[in-house]
Amino acid sequence: MSAAGWFIVLLALAGANLPFLNQRLFGVVPLRAEKKSAWIRIGELIVLYFIVGALGFLLEARAGNRFEQGWQFYAITFSLFIVFAFPGFTFQYLVKRR
């Protein structure tokens, strides 16, 4: 696997956990509420999936060998993105805090 491929995998891992590791919108915009709702986190997760996918598409096109993808590719990559989000989800919702 090339360096660009590993970069996209690490970017997907960071992007999938970003909604769960802070209380700001996309890690930048402060919200009025003390804690983000689960719906905002899910929305962030979907938007970040498309951002990481677009960066992957650009890197693939820049390499010169862009391939057409079917719906199966997007279903699998979104499922993998959800799996990548598990550490952040566990930290946010399953770890007990005092």
C-alpha atoms as a PDB file:
ATOM      1  CA  MET A   1       0.000   0.000   0.000  1.00  0.00           C
ATOM      2  CA  SER A   2       1.322   3.433  -0.905  1.00  0.00           C
ATOM      3  CA  ALA A   3       1.957   6.343   1.424  1.00  0.00           C
ATOM      4  CA  ALA A   4      -1.189   8.076   0.113  1.00  0.00           C
ATOM      5  CA  GLY A   5      -3.240   5.002   0.991  1.00  0.00           C
ATOM      6  CA  TRP A   6      -1.913   4.924   4.543  1.00  0.00           C
ATOM      7  CA  PHE A   7      -2.501   8.674   4.825  1.00  0.00           C
ATOM      8  CA  ILE A   8      -6.181   8.218   3.919  1.00  0.00           C
ATOM      9  CA  VAL A   9      -6.571   5.343   6.397  1.00  0.00           C
ATOM     10  CA  LEU A  10      -5.046   7.417   9.229  1.00  0.00           C
ATOM     11  CA  LEU A  11      -7.122  10.442   8.201  1.00  0.00           C
ATOM     12  CA  ALA A  12     -10.264   8.280   8.279  1.00  0.00           C
ATOM     13  CA  LEU A  13      -9.340   6.998  11.739  1.00  0.00           C
ATOM     14  CA  ALA A  14      -8.867  10.546  13.042  1.00  0.00           C
ATOM     15  CA  GLY A  15     -11.963  11.863  11.273  1.00  0.00           C
ATOM     16  CA  ALA A  16     -14.181   9.061  12.552  1.00  0.00           C
ATOM     17  CA  ASN A  17     -13.189   9.754  16.165  1.00  0.00           C
ATOM     18  CA  LEU A  18     -13.307  13.559  15.985  1.00  0.00           C
ATOM     19  CA  PRO A  19     -17.063  13.902  16.714  1.00  0.00           C
ATOM     20  CA  PHE A  20     -16.729  11.875  19.907  1.00  0.00           C
ATOM     21  CA  LEU A  21     -13.584  13.400  21.380  1.00  0.00           C
ATOM     22  CA  ASN A  22     -14.744  17.009  21.782  1.00  0.00           C
ATOM     23  CA  GLN A  23     -17.860  19.089  22.406  1.00  0.00           C
ATOM     24  CA  ARG A  24     -17.357  21.461  19.468  1.00  0.00           C
ATOM     25  CA  LEU A  25     -18.862  21.214  15.999  1.00  0.00           C
ATOM     26  CA  PHE A  26     -16.182  19.659  13.770  1.00  0.00           C
ATOM     27  CA  GLY A  27     -13.692  20.366  16.543  1.00  0.00           C
ATOM     28  CA  VAL A  28     -13.783  24.109  15.819  1.00  0.00           C
ATOM     29  CA  VAL A  29     -17.170  25.780  16.351  1.00  0.00           C
ATOM     30  CA  PRO A  30     -18.310  26.045  19.987  1.00  0.00           C
ATOM     31  CA  LEU A  31     -21.911  25.048  20.680  1.00  0.00           C
ATOM     32  CA  ARG A  32     -24.324  26.583  23.182  1.00  0.00           C
ATOM     33  CA  ALA A  33     -25.170  23.229  24.740  1.00  0.00           C
ATOM     34  CA  GLU A  34     -22.826  21.736  27.308  1.00  0.00           C
ATOM     35  CA  LYS A  35     -22.794  18.363  25.514  1.00  0.00           C
ATOM     36  CA  LYS A  36     -23.378  17.602  21.850  1.00  0.00           C
ATOM     37  CA  SER A  37     -26.378  15.449  21.088  1.00  0.00           C
ATOM     38  CA  ALA A  38     -25.992  12.081  19.437  1.00  0.00           C
ATOM     39  CA  TRP A  39     -27.710  13.407  16.305  1.00  0.00           C
ATOM     40  CA  ILE A  40     -25.099  16.138  15.885  1.00  0.00           C
ATOM     41  CA  ARG A  41     -22.346  13.532  16.297  1.00  0.00           C
ATOM     42  CA  ILE A  42     -23.951  11.301  13.651  1.00  0.00           C
ATOM     43  CA  GLY A  43     -24.271  14.279  11.290  1.00  0.00           C
ATOM     44  CA  GLU A  44     -20.626  15.164  11.832  1.00  0.00           C
ATOM     45  CA  LEU A  45     -19.644  11.550  11.192  1.00  0.00           C
ATOM     46  CA  ILE A  46     -21.474  11.518   7.853  1.00  0.00           C
ATOM     47  CA  VAL A  47     -20.004  14.855   6.735  1.00  0.00           C
ATOM     48  CA  LEU A  48     -16.491  13.773   7.740  1.00  0.00           C
ATOM     49  CA  TYR A  49     -16.945  10.512   5.795  1.00  0.00           C
ATOM     50  CA  PHE A  50     -17.629  12.535   2.645  1.00  0.00           C
ATOM     51  CA  ILE A  51     -14.684  14.874   3.320  1.00  0.00           C
ATOM     52  CA  VAL A  52     -12.252  11.979   3.793  1.00  0.00           C
ATOM     53  CA  GLY A  53     -13.733  10.268   0.722  1.00  0.00           C
ATOM     54  CA  ALA A  54     -13.249  13.402  -1.379  1.00  0.00           C
ATOM     55  CA  LEU A  55      -9.616  13.661  -0.272  1.00  0.00           C
ATOM     56  CA  GLY A  56      -9.101  10.002  -1.146  1.00  0.00           C
ATOM     57  CA  PHE A  57     -10.700  10.583  -4.541  1.00  0.00           C
ATOM     58  CA  LEU A  58      -8.396  13.570  -5.173  1.00  0.00           C
ATOM     59  CA  LEU A  59      -5.293  11.595  -4.205  1.00  0.00           C
ATOM     60  CA  GLU A  60      -6.354   8.727  -6.439  1.00  0.00           C
ATOM     61  CA  ALA A  61      -7.016  11.077  -9.372  1.00  0.00           C
ATOM     62  CA  ARG A  62      -3.681  12.802  -8.813  1.00  0.00           C
ATOM     63  CA  ALA A  63      -1.915   9.438  -8.994  1.00  0.00           C
ATOM     64  CA  GLY A  64      -3.452   9.037 -12.443  1.00  0.00           C
ATOM     65  CA  ASN A  65      -5.391   5.799 -11.989  1.00  0.00           C
ATOM     66  CA  ARG A  66      -8.913   6.754 -10.948  1.00  0.00           C
ATOM     67  CA  PHE A  67     -11.323   3.811 -10.855  1.00  0.00           C
ATOM     68  CA  GLU A  68     -15.112   3.857 -11.049  1.00  0.00           C
ATOM     69  CA  GLN A  69     -16.760   2.583  -7.863  1.00  0.00           C
ATOM     70  CA  GLY A  70     -20.167   1.017  -7.382  1.00  0.00           C
ATOM     71  CA  TRP A  71     -22.512   1.290  -4.422  1.00  0.00           C
ATOM     72  CA  GLN A  72     -20.799  -1.701  -2.789  1.00  0.00           C
ATOM     73  CA  PHE A  73     -17.565   0.262  -2.402  1.00  0.00           C
ATOM     74  CA  TYR A  74     -19.337   3.109  -0.611  1.00  0.00           C
ATOM     75  CA  ALA A  75     -21.289   0.742   1.637  1.00  0.00           C
ATOM     76  CA  ILE A  76     -18.086  -1.014   2.674  1.00  0.00           C
ATOM     77  CA  THR A  77     -16.079   2.180   3.230  1.00  0.00           C
ATOM     78  CA  PHE A  78     -18.886   3.750   5.290  1.00  0.00           C
ATOM     79  CA  SER A  79     -19.079   0.576   7.393  1.00  0.00           C
ATOM     80  CA  LEU A  80     -15.321   0.709   7.890  1.00  0.00           C
ATOM     81  CA  PHE A  81     -15.609   4.391   8.879  1.00  0.00           C
ATOM     82  CA  ILE A  82     -18.182   3.424  11.525  1.00  0.00           C
ATOM     83  CA  VAL A  83     -15.833   0.709  12.827  1.00  0.00           C
ATOM     84  CA  PHE A  84     -13.029   3.282  12.989  1.00  0.00           C
ATOM     85  CA  ALA A  85     -15.315   5.442  15.181  1.00  0.00           C
ATOM     86  CA  PHE A  86     -15.624   2.744  17.853  1.00  0.00           C
ATOM     87  CA  PRO A  87     -12.754   3.985  20.098  1.00  0.00           C
ATOM     88  CA  GLY A  88     -14.237   7.491  20.243  1.00  0.00           C
ATOM     89  CA  PHE A  89     -17.746   6.136  20.839  1.00  0.00           C
ATOM     90  CA  THR A  90     -16.440   3.929  23.638  1.00  0.00           C
ATOM     91  CA  PHE A  91     -14.616   6.845  25.244  1.00  0.00           C
ATOM     92  CA  GLN A  92     -17.650   9.136  25.011  1.00  0.00           C
ATOM     93  CA  TYR A  93     -20.479   6.802  25.992  1.00  0.00           C
ATOM     94  CA  LEU A  94     -19.133   3.660  27.678  1.00  0.00           C
ATOM     95  CA  VAL A  95     -16.267   4.872  29.920  1.00  0.00           C
ATOM     96  CA  LYS A  96     -17.438   5.807  33.401  1.00  0.00           C
ATOM     97  CA  ARG A  97     -16.298   9.179  34.667  1.00  0.00           C
ATOM     98  CA  ARG A  98     -16.521  10.708  38.105  1.00  0.00           C
END
